[in-house]
Amino acid sequence: MIVGVHFLPLAPLFQVRLYYFTGALLCLLAIITWLFVPAKITLGEHQINTFMSVVGFGSALILWGTGLAIWLMGRRLLGIIPK
């Protein structure tokens, strides 16, 4: 939740509208996980902390997607790839 919220003031600071979307998705992921995902599951003899797993992998996907989008925007601004 904290990582998502910190993107919201960065959006106007750096004038990157994508950060609003990133922040909202990260906050939404945390809230949905907290409300709908069980705290732990058992798989065979192993107990898995699903909160950490879902939020961790979900955040990684969102942040890698944001990084890719920013990288592509930078390449477009430099004229490396056509619009």
PDB file of N, CA and C in Angstrom:
ATOM      1  N   MET A   1       0.825  -1.180   0.000  1.00  0.00           N
ATOM      2  CA  MET A   1       0.000   0.000   0.000  1.00  0.00           C
ATOM      3  C   MET A   1       0.878   1.256   0.000  1.00  0.00           C
ATOM      4  N   ILE A   2       1.921   1.245   0.812  1.00  0.00           N
ATOM      5  CA  ILE A   2       2.794   2.411   0.912  1.00  0.00           C
ATOM      6  C   ILE A   2       3.516   2.666  -0.410  1.00  0.00           C
ATOM      7  N   VAL A   3       3.960   1.611  -1.062  1.00  0.00           N
ATOM      8  CA  VAL A   3       4.647   1.779  -2.343  1.00  0.00           C
ATOM      9  C   VAL A   3       3.700   2.382  -3.371  1.00  0.00           C
ATOM     10  N   GLY A   4       2.456   1.941  -3.372  1.00  0.00           N
ATOM     11  CA  GLY A   4       1.474   2.493  -4.307  1.00  0.00           C
ATOM     12  C   GLY A   4       1.167   3.948  -4.027  1.00  0.00           C
ATOM     13  N   VAL A   5       0.996   4.294  -2.756  1.00  0.00           N
ATOM     14  CA  VAL A   5       0.665   5.676  -2.388  1.00  0.00           C
ATOM     15  C   VAL A   5       1.813   6.619  -2.740  1.00  0.00           C
ATOM     16  N   HIS A   6       3.042   6.162  -2.625  1.00  0.00           N
ATOM     17  CA  HIS A   6       4.159   7.068  -2.895  1.00  0.00           C
ATOM     18  C   HIS A   6       4.272   7.436  -4.370  1.00  0.00           C
ATOM     19  N   PHE A   7       3.651   6.677  -5.267  1.00  0.00           N
ATOM     20  CA  PHE A   7       3.661   7.036  -6.678  1.00  0.00           C
ATOM     21  C   PHE A   7       2.732   8.213  -6.982  1.00  0.00           C
ATOM     22  N   LEU A   8       1.716   8.421  -6.169  1.00  0.00           N
ATOM     23  CA  LEU A   8       0.733   9.468  -6.453  1.00  0.00           C
ATOM     24  C   LEU A   8       1.325  10.877  -6.407  1.00  0.00           C
ATOM     25  N   PRO A   9       2.135  11.262  -5.413  1.00  0.00           N
ATOM     26  CA  PRO A   9       2.738  12.593  -5.479  1.00  0.00           C
ATOM     27  C   PRO A   9       3.887  12.685  -6.500  1.00  0.00           C
ATOM     28  N   LEU A  10       4.450  11.545  -6.893  1.00  0.00           N
ATOM     29  CA  LEU A  10       5.519  11.577  -7.892  1.00  0.00           C
ATOM     30  C   LEU A  10       4.983  11.905  -9.284  1.00  0.00           C
ATOM     31  N   ALA A  11       3.715  11.570  -9.542  1.00  0.00           N
ATOM     32  CA  ALA A  11       3.134  11.816 -10.861  1.00  0.00           C
ATOM     33  C   ALA A  11       3.153  13.301 -11.231  1.00  0.00           C
ATOM     34  N   PRO A  12       2.630  14.196 -10.385  1.00  0.00           N
ATOM     35  CA  PRO A  12       2.710  15.616 -10.768  1.00  0.00           C
ATOM     36  C   PRO A  12       4.135  16.177 -10.654  1.00  0.00           C
ATOM     37  N   LEU A  13       4.920  15.644  -9.719  1.00  0.00           N
ATOM     38  CA  LEU A  13       6.285  16.131  -9.547  1.00  0.00           C
ATOM     39  C   LEU A  13       7.120  15.916 -10.804  1.00  0.00           C
ATOM     40  N   PHE A  14       7.050  14.721 -11.377  1.00  0.00           N
ATOM     41  CA  PHE A  14       7.821  14.405 -12.577  1.00  0.00           C
ATOM     42  C   PHE A  14       7.003  14.540 -13.853  1.00  0.00           C
ATOM     43  N   GLN A  15       5.742  14.933 -13.732  1.00  0.00           N
ATOM     44  CA  GLN A  15       4.821  15.104 -14.862  1.00  0.00           C
ATOM     45  C   GLN A  15       4.717  13.828 -15.705  1.00  0.00           C
ATOM     46  N   VAL A  16       4.504  12.706 -15.003  1.00  0.00           N
ATOM     47  CA  VAL A  16       4.328  11.409 -15.652  1.00  0.00           C
ATOM     48  C   VAL A  16       2.967  10.867 -15.230  1.00  0.00           C
ATOM     49  N   ARG A  17       1.992  10.963 -16.133  1.00  0.00           N
ATOM     50  CA  ARG A  17       0.641  10.511 -15.796  1.00  0.00           C
ATOM     51  C   ARG A  17       0.557   9.017 -15.542  1.00  0.00           C
ATOM     52  N   LEU A  18       1.470   8.249 -16.092  1.00  0.00           N
ATOM     53  CA  LEU A  18       1.483   6.801 -15.887  1.00  0.00           C
ATOM     54  C   LEU A  18       1.638   6.443 -14.409  1.00  0.00           C
ATOM     55  N   TYR A  19       2.294   7.295 -13.635  1.00  0.00           N
ATOM     56  CA  TYR A  19       2.491   7.024 -12.211  1.00  0.00           C
ATOM     57  C   TYR A  19       1.176   7.033 -11.428  1.00  0.00           C
ATOM     58  N   TYR A  20       0.178   7.786 -11.880  1.00  0.00           N
ATOM     59  CA  TYR A  20      -1.143   7.723 -11.237  1.00  0.00           C
ATOM     60  C   TYR A  20      -1.721   6.317 -11.393  1.00  0.00           C
ATOM     61  N   PHE A  21      -1.614   5.782 -12.594  1.00  0.00           N
ATOM     62  CA  PHE A  21      -2.126   4.449 -12.889  1.00  0.00           C
ATOM     63  C   PHE A  21      -1.362   3.390 -12.092  1.00  0.00           C
ATOM     64  N   THR A  22      -0.039   3.524 -12.042  1.00  0.00           N
ATOM     65  CA  THR A  22       0.794   2.585 -11.291  1.00  0.00           C
ATOM     66  C   THR A  22       0.437   2.613  -9.810  1.00  0.00           C
ATOM     67  N   GLY A  23       0.339   3.800  -9.238  1.00  0.00           N
ATOM     68  CA  GLY A  23      -0.014   3.939  -7.824  1.00  0.00           C
ATOM     69  C   GLY A  23      -1.380   3.363  -7.516  1.00  0.00           C
ATOM     70  N   ALA A  24      -2.341   3.647  -8.380  1.00  0.00           N
ATOM     71  CA  ALA A  24      -3.694   3.124  -8.173  1.00  0.00           C
ATOM     72  C   ALA A  24      -3.711   1.600  -8.251  1.00  0.00           C
ATOM     73  N   LEU A  25      -3.009   1.028  -9.224  1.00  0.00           N
ATOM     74  CA  LEU A  25      -2.974  -0.435  -9.358  1.00  0.00           C
ATOM     75  C   LEU A  25      -2.320  -1.097  -8.149  1.00  0.00           C
ATOM     76  N   LEU A  26      -1.226  -0.519  -7.655  1.00  0.00           N
ATOM     77  CA  LEU A  26      -0.553  -1.102  -6.491  1.00  0.00           C
ATOM     78  C   LEU A  26      -1.433  -1.027  -5.245  1.00  0.00           C
ATOM     79  N   CYS A  27      -2.115   0.091  -5.052  1.00  0.00           N
ATOM     80  CA  CYS A  27      -3.029   0.214  -3.905  1.00  0.00           C
ATOM     81  C   CYS A  27      -4.196  -0.753  -4.038  1.00  0.00           C
ATOM     82  N   LEU A  28      -4.740  -0.857  -5.236  1.00  0.00           N
ATOM     83  CA  LEU A  28      -5.852  -1.771  -5.479  1.00  0.00           C
ATOM     84  C   LEU A  28      -5.437  -3.220  -5.259  1.00  0.00           C
ATOM     85  N   LEU A  29      -4.258  -3.582  -5.690  1.00  0.00           N
ATOM     86  CA  LEU A  29      -3.742  -4.939  -5.470  1.00  0.00           C
ATOM     87  C   LEU A  29      -3.661  -5.244  -3.978  1.00  0.00           C
ATOM     88  N   ALA A  30      -3.130  -4.309  -3.201  1.00  0.00           N
ATOM     89  CA  ALA A  30      -3.012  -4.523  -1.756  1.00  0.00           C
ATOM     90  C   ALA A  30      -4.383  -4.670  -1.104  1.00  0.00           C
ATOM     91  N   ILE A  31      -5.329  -3.826  -1.468  1.00  0.00           N
ATOM     92  CA  ILE A  31      -6.665  -3.873  -0.870  1.00  0.00           C
ATOM     93  C   ILE A  31      -7.392  -5.158  -1.253  1.00  0.00           C
ATOM     94  N   ILE A  32      -7.363  -5.516  -2.527  1.00  0.00           N
ATOM     95  CA  ILE A  32      -8.048  -6.734  -2.977  1.00  0.00           C
ATOM     96  C   ILE A  32      -7.430  -7.967  -2.324  1.00  0.00           C
ATOM     97  N   THR A  33      -6.104  -7.988  -2.208  1.00  0.00           N
ATOM     98  CA  THR A  33      -5.441  -9.120  -1.557  1.00  0.00           C
ATOM     99  C   THR A  33      -5.868  -9.217  -0.103  1.00  0.00           C
ATOM    100  N   TRP A  34      -5.889  -8.094   0.575  1.00  0.00           N
ATOM    101  CA  TRP A  34      -6.268  -8.071   1.993  1.00  0.00           C
ATOM    102  C   TRP A  34      -7.712  -8.540   2.197  1.00  0.00           C
ATOM    103  N   LEU A  35      -8.610  -8.161   1.278  1.00  0.00           N
ATOM    104  CA  LEU A  35     -10.025  -8.491   1.441  1.00  0.00           C
ATOM    105  C   LEU A  35     -10.393  -9.900   0.979  1.00  0.00           C
ATOM    106  N   PHE A  36      -9.760 -10.387  -0.077  1.00  0.00           N
ATOM    107  CA  PHE A  36     -10.255 -11.605  -0.714  1.00  0.00           C
ATOM    108  C   PHE A  36      -9.304 -12.803  -0.722  1.00  0.00           C
ATOM    109  N   VAL A  37      -8.070 -12.626  -0.364  1.00  0.00           N
ATOM    110  CA  VAL A  37      -7.111 -13.738  -0.416  1.00  0.00           C
ATOM    111  C   VAL A  37      -6.883 -14.259   0.995  1.00  0.00           C
ATOM    112  N   PRO A  38      -6.939 -15.573   1.192  1.00  0.00           N
ATOM    113  CA  PRO A  38      -6.667 -16.103   2.533  1.00  0.00           C
ATOM    114  C   PRO A  38      -5.221 -15.833   2.941  1.00  0.00           C
ATOM    115  N   ALA A  39      -4.997 -15.680   4.230  1.00  0.00           N
ATOM    116  CA  ALA A  39      -3.658 -15.325   4.728  1.00  0.00           C
ATOM    117  C   ALA A  39      -2.630 -16.397   4.395  1.00  0.00           C
ATOM    118  N   LYS A  40      -3.010 -17.654   4.553  1.00  0.00           N
ATOM    119  CA  LYS A  40      -2.071 -18.748   4.301  1.00  0.00           C
ATOM    120  C   LYS A  40      -2.805 -19.905   3.660  1.00  0.00           C
ATOM    121  N   ILE A  41      -2.079 -20.654   2.840  1.00  0.00           N
ATOM    122  CA  ILE A  41      -2.613 -21.900   2.285  1.00  0.00           C
ATOM    123  C   ILE A  41      -1.582 -22.987   2.518  1.00  0.00           C
ATOM    124  N   THR A  42      -2.060 -24.214   2.513  1.00  0.00           N
ATOM    125  CA  THR A  42      -1.168 -25.346   2.678  1.00  0.00           C
ATOM    126  C   THR A  42      -1.117 -26.111   1.366  1.00  0.00           C
ATOM    127  N   LEU A  43       0.092 -26.334   0.909  1.00  0.00           N
ATOM    128  CA  LEU A  43       0.312 -27.074  -0.329  1.00  0.00           C
ATOM    129  C   LEU A  43       1.187 -28.266   0.020  1.00  0.00           C
ATOM    130  N   GLY A  44       0.550 -29.421   0.125  1.00  0.00           N
ATOM    131  CA  GLY A  44       1.275 -30.602   0.599  1.00  0.00           C
ATOM    132  C   GLY A  44       1.609 -30.415   2.068  1.00  0.00           C
ATOM    133  N   GLU A  45       2.878 -30.451   2.388  1.00  0.00           N
ATOM    134  CA  GLU A  45       3.325 -30.230   3.763  1.00  0.00           C
ATOM    135  C   GLU A  45       3.848 -28.806   3.974  1.00  0.00           C
ATOM    136  N   HIS A  46       3.734 -27.981   2.957  1.00  0.00           N
ATOM    137  CA  HIS A  46       4.292 -26.637   3.025  1.00  0.00           C
ATOM    138  C   HIS A  46       3.188 -25.599   3.221  1.00  0.00           C
ATOM    139  N   GLN A  47       3.443 -24.668   4.101  1.00  0.00           N
ATOM    140  CA  GLN A  47       2.506 -23.576   4.325  1.00  0.00           C
ATOM    141  C   GLN A  47       3.024 -22.345   3.590  1.00  0.00           C
ATOM    142  N   ILE A  48       2.153 -21.722   2.788  1.00  0.00           N
ATOM    143  CA  ILE A  48       2.548 -20.583   1.954  1.00  0.00           C
ATOM    144  C   ILE A  48       1.831 -19.333   2.448  1.00  0.00           C
ATOM    145  N   ASN A  49       2.578 -18.253   2.655  1.00  0.00           N
ATOM    146  CA  ASN A  49       2.009 -16.965   3.025  1.00  0.00           C
ATOM    147  C   ASN A  49       1.498 -16.313   1.742  1.00  0.00           C
ATOM    148  N   THR A  50       0.203 -16.430   1.501  1.00  0.00           N
ATOM    149  CA  THR A  50      -0.357 -15.965   0.237  1.00  0.00           C
ATOM    150  C   THR A  50      -0.374 -14.443   0.141  1.00  0.00           C
ATOM    151  N   PHE A  51      -0.516 -13.736   1.255  1.00  0.00           N
ATOM    152  CA  PHE A  51      -0.483 -12.272   1.203  1.00  0.00           C
ATOM    153  C   PHE A  51       0.815 -11.801   0.547  1.00  0.00           C
ATOM    154  N   MET A  52       1.932 -12.290   1.067  1.00  0.00           N
ATOM    155  CA  MET A  52       3.234 -11.864   0.556  1.00  0.00           C
ATOM    156  C   MET A  52       3.437 -12.326  -0.887  1.00  0.00           C
ATOM    157  N   SER A  53       2.980 -13.518  -1.198  1.00  0.00           N
ATOM    158  CA  SER A  53       3.168 -14.049  -2.548  1.00  0.00           C
ATOM    159  C   SER A  53       2.368 -13.261  -3.582  1.00  0.00           C
ATOM    160  N   VAL A  54       1.090 -13.038  -3.309  1.00  0.00           N
ATOM    161  CA  VAL A  54       0.236 -12.338  -4.267  1.00  0.00           C
ATOM    162  C   VAL A  54       0.683 -10.889  -4.428  1.00  0.00           C
ATOM    163  N   VAL A  55       0.911 -10.197  -3.320  1.00  0.00           N
ATOM    164  CA  VAL A  55       1.325  -8.797  -3.401  1.00  0.00           C
ATOM    165  C   VAL A  55       2.722  -8.685  -4.016  1.00  0.00           C
ATOM    166  N   GLY A  56       3.611  -9.583  -3.677  1.00  0.00           N
ATOM    167  CA  GLY A  56       4.967  -9.538  -4.224  1.00  0.00           C
ATOM    168  C   GLY A  56       5.012  -9.740  -5.721  1.00  0.00           C
ATOM    169  N   PHE A  57       4.406 -10.838  -6.195  1.00  0.00           N
ATOM    170  CA  PHE A  57       4.419 -11.101  -7.635  1.00  0.00           C
ATOM    171  C   PHE A  57       3.576 -10.090  -8.404  1.00  0.00           C
ATOM    172  N   GLY A  58       2.437  -9.694  -7.842  1.00  0.00           N
ATOM    173  CA  GLY A  58       1.595  -8.686  -8.496  1.00  0.00           C
ATOM    174  C   GLY A  58       2.302  -7.347  -8.621  1.00  0.00           C
ATOM    175  N   SER A  59       2.963  -6.928  -7.548  1.00  0.00           N
ATOM    176  CA  SER A  59       3.708  -5.670  -7.582  1.00  0.00           C
ATOM    177  C   SER A  59       4.847  -5.732  -8.587  1.00  0.00           C
ATOM    178  N   ALA A  60       5.511  -6.872  -8.631  1.00  0.00           N
ATOM    179  CA  ALA A  60       6.603  -7.025  -9.590  1.00  0.00           C
ATOM    180  C   ALA A  60       6.096  -6.860 -11.022  1.00  0.00           C
ATOM    181  N   LEU A  61       4.972  -7.479 -11.334  1.00  0.00           N
ATOM    182  CA  LEU A  61       4.414  -7.346 -12.688  1.00  0.00           C
ATOM    183  C   LEU A  61       4.036  -5.903 -13.001  1.00  0.00           C
ATOM    184  N   ILE A  62       3.378  -5.230 -12.058  1.00  0.00           N
ATOM    185  CA  ILE A  62       2.968  -3.846 -12.265  1.00  0.00           C
ATOM    186  C   ILE A  62       4.193  -2.946 -12.446  1.00  0.00           C
ATOM    187  N   LEU A  63       5.192  -3.106 -11.601  1.00  0.00           N
ATOM    188  CA  LEU A  63       6.373  -2.241 -11.671  1.00  0.00           C
ATOM    189  C   LEU A  63       7.241  -2.539 -12.895  1.00  0.00           C
ATOM    190  N   TRP A  64       7.353  -3.798 -13.291  1.00  0.00           N
ATOM    191  CA  TRP A  64       8.084  -4.115 -14.520  1.00  0.00           C
ATOM    192  C   TRP A  64       7.349  -3.545 -15.731  1.00  0.00           C
ATOM    193  N   GLY A  65       6.022  -3.628 -15.715  1.00  0.00           N
ATOM    194  CA  GLY A  65       5.239  -3.028 -16.805  1.00  0.00           C
ATOM    195  C   GLY A  65       5.417  -1.520 -16.868  1.00  0.00           C
ATOM    196  N   THR A  66       5.443  -0.875 -15.711  1.00  0.00           N
ATOM    197  CA  THR A  66       5.668   0.569 -15.668  1.00  0.00           C
ATOM    198  C   THR A  66       7.066   0.905 -16.185  1.00  0.00           C
ATOM    199  N   GLY A  67       8.049   0.143 -15.757  1.00  0.00           N
ATOM    200  CA  GLY A  67       9.406   0.367 -16.230  1.00  0.00           C
ATOM    201  C   GLY A  67       9.531   0.204 -17.736  1.00  0.00           C
ATOM    202  N   LEU A  68       8.885  -0.809 -18.280  1.00  0.00           N
ATOM    203  CA  LEU A  68       8.891  -1.030 -19.727  1.00  0.00           C
ATOM    204  C   LEU A  68       8.220   0.134 -20.449  1.00  0.00           C
ATOM    205  N   ALA A  69       7.090   0.593 -19.933  1.00  0.00           N
ATOM    206  CA  ALA A  69       6.375   1.714 -20.557  1.00  0.00           C
ATOM    207  C   ALA A  69       7.214   2.991 -20.529  1.00  0.00           C
ATOM    208  N   ILE A  70       7.882   3.259 -19.417  1.00  0.00           N
ATOM    209  CA  ILE A  70       8.736   4.444 -19.309  1.00  0.00           C
ATOM    210  C   ILE A  70       9.921   4.332 -20.271  1.00  0.00           C
ATOM    211  N   TRP A  71      10.493   3.138 -20.370  1.00  0.00           N
ATOM    212  CA  TRP A  71      11.613   2.917 -21.286  1.00  0.00           C
ATOM    213  C   TRP A  71      11.185   3.164 -22.733  1.00  0.00           C
ATOM    214  N   LEU A  72      10.011   2.647 -23.107  1.00  0.00           N
ATOM    215  CA  LEU A  72       9.518   2.857 -24.468  1.00  0.00           C
ATOM    216  C   LEU A  72       9.199   4.325 -24.732  1.00  0.00           C
ATOM    217  N   MET A  73       8.652   5.022 -23.734  1.00  0.00           N
ATOM    218  CA  MET A  73       8.391   6.459 -23.889  1.00  0.00           C
ATOM    219  C   MET A  73       9.705   7.213 -24.084  1.00  0.00           C
ATOM    220  N   GLY A  74      10.736   6.836 -23.342  1.00  0.00           N
ATOM    221  CA  GLY A  74      12.039   7.473 -23.495  1.00  0.00           C
ATOM    222  C   GLY A  74      12.631   7.245 -24.870  1.00  0.00           C
ATOM    223  N   ARG A  75      12.520   6.037 -25.359  1.00  0.00           N
ATOM    224  CA  ARG A  75      13.022   5.729 -26.705  1.00  0.00           C
ATOM    225  C   ARG A  75      12.270   6.536 -27.755  1.00  0.00           C
ATOM    226  N   ARG A  76      10.945   6.670 -27.568  1.00  0.00           N
ATOM    227  CA  ARG A  76      10.137   7.441 -28.516  1.00  0.00           C
ATOM    228  C   ARG A  76      10.539   8.908 -28.482  1.00  0.00           C
ATOM    229  N   LEU A  77      10.775   9.448 -27.273  1.00  0.00           N
ATOM    230  CA  LEU A  77      11.182  10.845 -27.156  1.00  0.00           C
ATOM    231  C   LEU A  77      12.541  11.106 -27.786  1.00  0.00           C
ATOM    232  N   LEU A  78      13.437  10.127 -27.713  1.00  0.00           N
ATOM    233  CA  LEU A  78      14.757  10.278 -28.311  1.00  0.00           C
ATOM    234  C   LEU A  78      14.747  10.007 -29.816  1.00  0.00           C
ATOM    235  N   GLY A  79      13.624   9.543 -30.323  1.00  0.00           N
ATOM    236  CA  GLY A  79      13.518   9.279 -31.758  1.00  0.00           C
ATOM    237  C   GLY A  79      14.147   7.971 -32.177  1.00  0.00           C
ATOM    238  N   ILE A  80      14.375   7.073 -31.223  1.00  0.00           N
ATOM    239  CA  ILE A  80      14.993   5.779 -31.540  1.00  0.00           C
ATOM    240  C   ILE A  80      13.997   4.865 -32.243  1.00  0.00           C
ATOM    241  N   ILE A  81      12.730   4.936 -31.837  1.00  0.00           N
ATOM    242  CA  ILE A  81      11.695   4.151 -32.507  1.00  0.00           C
ATOM    243  C   ILE A  81      10.609   5.120 -32.976  1.00  0.00           C
ATOM    244  N   PRO A  82       9.979   4.850 -34.089  1.00  0.00           N
ATOM    245  CA  PRO A  82       8.925   5.751 -34.579  1.00  0.00           C
ATOM    246  C   PRO A  82       7.664   5.638 -33.733  1.00  0.00           C
ATOM    247  N   LYS A  83       6.858   6.680 -33.786  1.00  0.00           N
ATOM    248  CA  LYS A  83       5.584   6.692 -33.058  1.00  0.00           C
ATOM    249  C   LYS A  83       4.672   5.718 -33.732  1.00  0.00           C
TER     250      LYS A  83
END
